[in-house]
Amino acid sequence: MLGPVELVATDGSHVVLQGNKMRGLLAALALEGGRAVSSERLIDTLWGEQEVSGANVVQVLVSKLRRVVAATGEPDLVATTPAGYQVVTGTATIDLTLFESLVDQARSADDPGASAVLLERALGLWRGAPLGGAPDTEVLAGVRTRLMEMRN
């Protein structure tokens, strides 16, 4: 999330996410930190003002993401709930979550040296422009702006 949207398997290999919608789906779910996201909200996030063909477009996209993840031998990453879809983090690490944790630790550290080390580690997680490769919708543009402000 703190650069191109990527999925890294437990063995360190990169899972190929085909298309900006799949990368956007993963990002949109990860941004919610395990909370369910409705199909309507995902459509707004991933397609914005663009016309969507078919009511099950999110279901099809989730299915494609699940197939890609399953092909790597990794456990299912997306759960379906009555409220929508949610990312199943389990042992997964989301760079944004780690960044926020390190910044919080730095703020509460009593030692300025320790705080500086934590902030340096947090900034080291950045790999480029946030949400790279995800759709350029109004919702995701707002998220990108917020993330860049957090970095600065």
C-alpha atoms as a PDB file:
ATOM      1  CA  MET A   1       0.000   0.000   0.000  1.00  0.00           C
ATOM      2  CA  LEU A   2       2.941   2.298   0.665  1.00  0.00           C
ATOM      3  CA  GLY A   3       3.980   2.000  -2.951  1.00  0.00           C
ATOM      4  CA  PRO A   4       2.703  -0.333  -5.653  1.00  0.00           C
ATOM      5  CA  VAL A   5      -0.087  -2.584  -4.370  1.00  0.00           C
ATOM      6  CA  GLU A   6       1.495  -6.016  -3.996  1.00  0.00           C
ATOM      7  CA  LEU A   7       0.771  -9.321  -2.399  1.00  0.00           C
ATOM      8  CA  VAL A   8       3.784 -11.207  -1.092  1.00  0.00           C
ATOM      9  CA  ALA A   9       3.384 -14.905  -0.246  1.00  0.00           C
ATOM     10  CA  THR A  10       4.773 -16.360   2.977  1.00  0.00           C
ATOM     11  CA  ASP A  11       7.745 -17.728   1.031  1.00  0.00           C
ATOM     12  CA  GLY A  12       8.612 -14.183  -0.087  1.00  0.00           C
ATOM     13  CA  SER A  13       7.470 -14.610  -3.689  1.00  0.00           C
ATOM     14  CA  HIS A  14       5.321 -11.926  -5.274  1.00  0.00           C
ATOM     15  CA  VAL A  15       1.800 -12.914  -6.277  1.00  0.00           C
ATOM     16  CA  VAL A  16       0.880 -11.429  -9.653  1.00  0.00           C
ATOM     17  CA  LEU A  17      -2.261  -9.325  -9.325  1.00  0.00           C
ATOM     18  CA  GLN A  18      -3.641  -8.840 -12.809  1.00  0.00           C
ATOM     19  CA  GLY A  19      -5.210  -5.479 -13.512  1.00  0.00           C
ATOM     20  CA  ASN A  20      -5.761  -2.339 -11.543  1.00  0.00           C
ATOM     21  CA  LYS A  21      -9.170  -3.478 -10.263  1.00  0.00           C
ATOM     22  CA  MET A  22      -7.684  -6.543  -8.534  1.00  0.00           C
ATOM     23  CA  ARG A  23      -4.962  -4.420  -6.946  1.00  0.00           C
ATOM     24  CA  GLY A  24      -7.604  -1.865  -5.977  1.00  0.00           C
ATOM     25  CA  LEU A  25      -9.801  -4.561  -4.436  1.00  0.00           C
ATOM     26  CA  LEU A  26      -6.943  -5.819  -2.297  1.00  0.00           C
ATOM     27  CA  ALA A  27      -6.073  -2.254  -1.251  1.00  0.00           C
ATOM     28  CA  ALA A  28      -9.686  -1.296  -0.491  1.00  0.00           C
ATOM     29  CA  LEU A  29     -10.147  -4.356   1.719  1.00  0.00           C
ATOM     30  CA  ALA A  30      -6.776  -3.956   3.438  1.00  0.00           C
ATOM     31  CA  LEU A  31      -7.531  -0.302   4.201  1.00  0.00           C
ATOM     32  CA  GLU A  32     -10.493  -1.445   6.264  1.00  0.00           C
ATOM     33  CA  GLY A  33      -8.324  -3.530   8.585  1.00  0.00           C
ATOM     34  CA  GLY A  34     -10.537  -6.604   8.666  1.00  0.00           C
ATOM     35  CA  ARG A  35     -13.899  -4.812   8.625  1.00  0.00           C
ATOM     36  CA  ALA A  36     -16.443  -5.854   6.006  1.00  0.00           C
ATOM     37  CA  VAL A  37     -16.896  -3.646   2.945  1.00  0.00           C
ATOM     38  CA  SER A  38     -20.146  -3.697   0.995  1.00  0.00           C
ATOM     39  CA  SER A  39     -20.258  -4.416  -2.721  1.00  0.00           C
ATOM     40  CA  GLU A  40     -21.726  -0.969  -3.324  1.00  0.00           C
ATOM     41  CA  ARG A  41     -18.817   0.703  -1.560  1.00  0.00           C
ATOM     42  CA  LEU A  42     -16.304  -1.422  -3.459  1.00  0.00           C
ATOM     43  CA  ILE A  43     -17.957  -0.458  -6.742  1.00  0.00           C
ATOM     44  CA  ASP A  44     -17.692   3.221  -5.791  1.00  0.00           C
ATOM     45  CA  THR A  45     -14.057   2.766  -4.745  1.00  0.00           C
ATOM     46  CA  LEU A  46     -12.947   0.763  -7.780  1.00  0.00           C
ATOM     47  CA  TRP A  47     -15.078   2.170 -10.587  1.00  0.00           C
ATOM     48  CA  GLY A  48     -16.028   5.629  -9.326  1.00  0.00           C
ATOM     49  CA  GLU A  49     -18.247   7.360 -11.873  1.00  0.00           C
ATOM     50  CA  GLN A  50     -17.569   4.706 -14.516  1.00  0.00           C
ATOM     51  CA  GLU A  51     -20.559   2.603 -15.595  1.00  0.00           C
ATOM     52  CA  VAL A  52     -20.497  -0.903 -14.087  1.00  0.00           C
ATOM     53  CA  SER A  53     -21.669  -3.860 -16.146  1.00  0.00           C
ATOM     54  CA  GLY A  54     -23.591  -6.321 -14.009  1.00  0.00           C
ATOM     55  CA  ALA A  55     -24.534  -6.423 -10.363  1.00  0.00           C
ATOM     56  CA  ASN A  56     -22.124  -9.271  -9.620  1.00  0.00           C
ATOM     57  CA  VAL A  57     -18.999  -7.480 -10.865  1.00  0.00           C
ATOM     58  CA  VAL A  58     -17.479  -7.412  -7.349  1.00  0.00           C
ATOM     59  CA  GLN A  59     -18.258 -11.084  -6.800  1.00  0.00           C
ATOM     60  CA  VAL A  60     -16.467 -11.953 -10.049  1.00  0.00           C
ATOM     61  CA  LEU A  61     -13.443  -9.833  -9.068  1.00  0.00           C
ATOM     62  CA  VAL A  62     -13.270 -11.425  -5.598  1.00  0.00           C
ATOM     63  CA  SER A  63     -13.458 -14.858  -7.218  1.00  0.00           C
ATOM     64  CA  LYS A  64     -10.535 -14.001  -9.514  1.00  0.00           C
ATOM     65  CA  LEU A  65      -8.465 -12.756  -6.562  1.00  0.00           C
ATOM     66  CA  ARG A  66      -9.236 -15.945  -4.639  1.00  0.00           C
ATOM     67  CA  ARG A  67      -8.119 -18.092  -7.594  1.00  0.00           C
ATOM     68  CA  VAL A  68      -4.837 -16.182  -7.888  1.00  0.00           C
ATOM     69  CA  VAL A  69      -4.141 -16.544  -4.172  1.00  0.00           C
ATOM     70  CA  ALA A  70      -5.168 -20.236  -4.132  1.00  0.00           C
ATOM     71  CA  ALA A  71      -2.768 -20.969  -7.004  1.00  0.00           C
ATOM     72  CA  THR A  72       0.107 -19.928  -4.739  1.00  0.00           C
ATOM     73  CA  GLY A  73      -0.937 -22.321  -1.989  1.00  0.00           C
ATOM     74  CA  GLU A  74      -1.717 -19.445   0.366  1.00  0.00           C
ATOM     75  CA  PRO A  75      -4.899 -19.528   2.475  1.00  0.00           C
ATOM     76  CA  ASP A  76      -7.948 -17.613   1.273  1.00  0.00           C
ATOM     77  CA  LEU A  77      -7.423 -13.914   1.752  1.00  0.00           C
ATOM     78  CA  VAL A  78     -10.989 -12.655   1.361  1.00  0.00           C
ATOM     79  CA  ALA A  79     -13.960 -13.686   3.478  1.00  0.00           C
ATOM     80  CA  THR A  80     -17.570 -13.192   2.461  1.00  0.00           C
ATOM     81  CA  THR A  81     -19.833 -11.904   5.209  1.00  0.00           C
ATOM     82  CA  PRO A  82     -23.466 -10.780   5.288  1.00  0.00           C
ATOM     83  CA  ALA A  83     -22.167  -7.191   5.225  1.00  0.00           C
ATOM     84  CA  GLY A  84     -19.856  -7.698   2.237  1.00  0.00           C
ATOM     85  CA  TYR A  85     -16.218  -8.746   1.909  1.00  0.00           C
ATOM     86  CA  GLN A  86     -13.316  -8.471   4.278  1.00  0.00           C
ATOM     87  CA  VAL A  87      -9.634  -9.210   4.158  1.00  0.00           C
ATOM     88  CA  VAL A  88      -8.520 -12.048   6.398  1.00  0.00           C
ATOM     89  CA  THR A  89      -5.185 -10.915   7.719  1.00  0.00           C
ATOM     90  CA  GLY A  90      -4.272 -13.887   9.934  1.00  0.00           C
ATOM     91  CA  THR A  91      -0.489 -13.815   9.869  1.00  0.00           C
ATOM     92  CA  ALA A  92      -0.394 -11.306   7.001  1.00  0.00           C
ATOM     93  CA  THR A  93       1.385  -8.009   7.442  1.00  0.00           C
ATOM     94  CA  ILE A  94      -0.023  -4.873   5.889  1.00  0.00           C
ATOM     95  CA  ASP A  95       2.683  -2.251   5.415  1.00  0.00           C
ATOM     96  CA  LEU A  96       0.310   0.605   6.249  1.00  0.00           C
ATOM     97  CA  THR A  97      -0.665  -1.039   9.544  1.00  0.00           C
ATOM     98  CA  LEU A  98       2.999  -1.525  10.420  1.00  0.00           C
ATOM     99  CA  PHE A  99       3.772   2.085   9.435  1.00  0.00           C
ATOM    100  CA  GLU A 100       0.998   3.425  11.670  1.00  0.00           C
ATOM    101  CA  SER A 101       2.135   1.235  14.567  1.00  0.00           C
ATOM    102  CA  LEU A 102       5.736   2.416  14.289  1.00  0.00           C
ATOM    103  CA  VAL A 103       4.652   6.068  14.145  1.00  0.00           C
ATOM    104  CA  ASP A 104       2.475   5.580  17.244  1.00  0.00           C
ATOM    105  CA  GLN A 105       5.382   3.945  19.076  1.00  0.00           C
ATOM    106  CA  ALA A 106       7.672   6.801  18.064  1.00  0.00           C
ATOM    107  CA  ARG A 107       5.205   9.374  19.383  1.00  0.00           C
ATOM    108  CA  SER A 108       4.959   7.646  22.756  1.00  0.00           C
ATOM    109  CA  ALA A 109       8.687   6.911  23.124  1.00  0.00           C
ATOM    110  CA  ASP A 110      10.383   8.787  25.966  1.00  0.00           C
ATOM    111  CA  ASP A 111      13.801   8.646  24.329  1.00  0.00           C
ATOM    112  CA  PRO A 112      14.243  10.937  21.299  1.00  0.00           C
ATOM    113  CA  GLY A 113      16.854   8.551  19.875  1.00  0.00           C
ATOM    114  CA  ALA A 114      14.472   5.600  20.051  1.00  0.00           C
ATOM    115  CA  SER A 115      11.749   7.749  18.514  1.00  0.00           C
ATOM    116  CA  ALA A 116      14.030   8.664  15.613  1.00  0.00           C
ATOM    117  CA  VAL A 117      14.900   4.999  14.996  1.00  0.00           C
ATOM    118  CA  LEU A 118      11.208   4.051  14.937  1.00  0.00           C
ATOM    119  CA  LEU A 119      10.365   6.876  12.550  1.00  0.00           C
ATOM    120  CA  GLU A 120      13.244   5.873  10.283  1.00  0.00           C
ATOM    121  CA  ARG A 121      11.929   2.292  10.204  1.00  0.00           C
ATOM    122  CA  ALA A 122       8.424   3.586   9.425  1.00  0.00           C
ATOM    123  CA  LEU A 123       9.638   5.746   6.545  1.00  0.00           C
ATOM    124  CA  GLY A 124      11.720   2.824   5.247  1.00  0.00           C
ATOM    125  CA  LEU A 125       8.493   0.938   4.503  1.00  0.00           C
ATOM    126  CA  TRP A 126       7.638   3.372   1.713  1.00  0.00           C
ATOM    127  CA  ARG A 127       8.381   2.003  -1.771  1.00  0.00           C
ATOM    128  CA  GLY A 128       6.925   4.760  -3.940  1.00  0.00           C
ATOM    129  CA  ALA A 129       3.622   6.510  -4.571  1.00  0.00           C
ATOM    130  CA  PRO A 130       0.893   4.939  -2.413  1.00  0.00           C
ATOM    131  CA  LEU A 131      -1.583   2.498  -3.941  1.00  0.00           C
ATOM    132  CA  GLY A 132       0.421   2.254  -7.130  1.00  0.00           C
ATOM    133  CA  GLY A 133      -1.343   0.276  -9.824  1.00  0.00           C
ATOM    134  CA  ALA A 134      -4.801   0.660  -8.253  1.00  0.00           C
ATOM    135  CA  PRO A 135      -7.563   2.510 -10.129  1.00  0.00           C
ATOM    136  CA  ASP A 136      -7.456   6.292 -10.220  1.00  0.00           C
ATOM    137  CA  THR A 137     -10.900   6.968  -8.771  1.00  0.00           C
ATOM    138  CA  GLU A 138     -11.952   9.853  -6.569  1.00  0.00           C
ATOM    139  CA  VAL A 139     -12.115   7.610  -3.493  1.00  0.00           C
ATOM    140  CA  LEU A 140      -8.635   6.164  -3.987  1.00  0.00           C
ATOM    141  CA  ALA A 141      -7.208   9.588  -4.891  1.00  0.00           C
ATOM    142  CA  GLY A 142      -8.422  10.800  -1.499  1.00  0.00           C
ATOM    143  CA  VAL A 143      -6.740   7.845   0.194  1.00  0.00           C
ATOM    144  CA  ARG A 144      -3.505   8.515  -1.697  1.00  0.00           C
ATOM    145  CA  THR A 145      -3.558  12.137  -0.547  1.00  0.00           C
ATOM    146  CA  ARG A 146      -4.160  11.103   3.075  1.00  0.00           C
ATOM    147  CA  LEU A 147      -1.317   8.590   2.955  1.00  0.00           C
ATOM    148  CA  MET A 148       1.101  11.151   1.488  1.00  0.00           C
ATOM    149  CA  GLU A 149       0.131  13.580   4.256  1.00  0.00           C
ATOM    150  CA  MET A 150       0.854  10.879   6.847  1.00  0.00           C
ATOM    151  CA  ARG A 151       4.282  10.366   5.322  1.00  0.00           C
ATOM    152  CA  ASN A 152       5.122  14.049   5.440  1.00  0.00           C
END
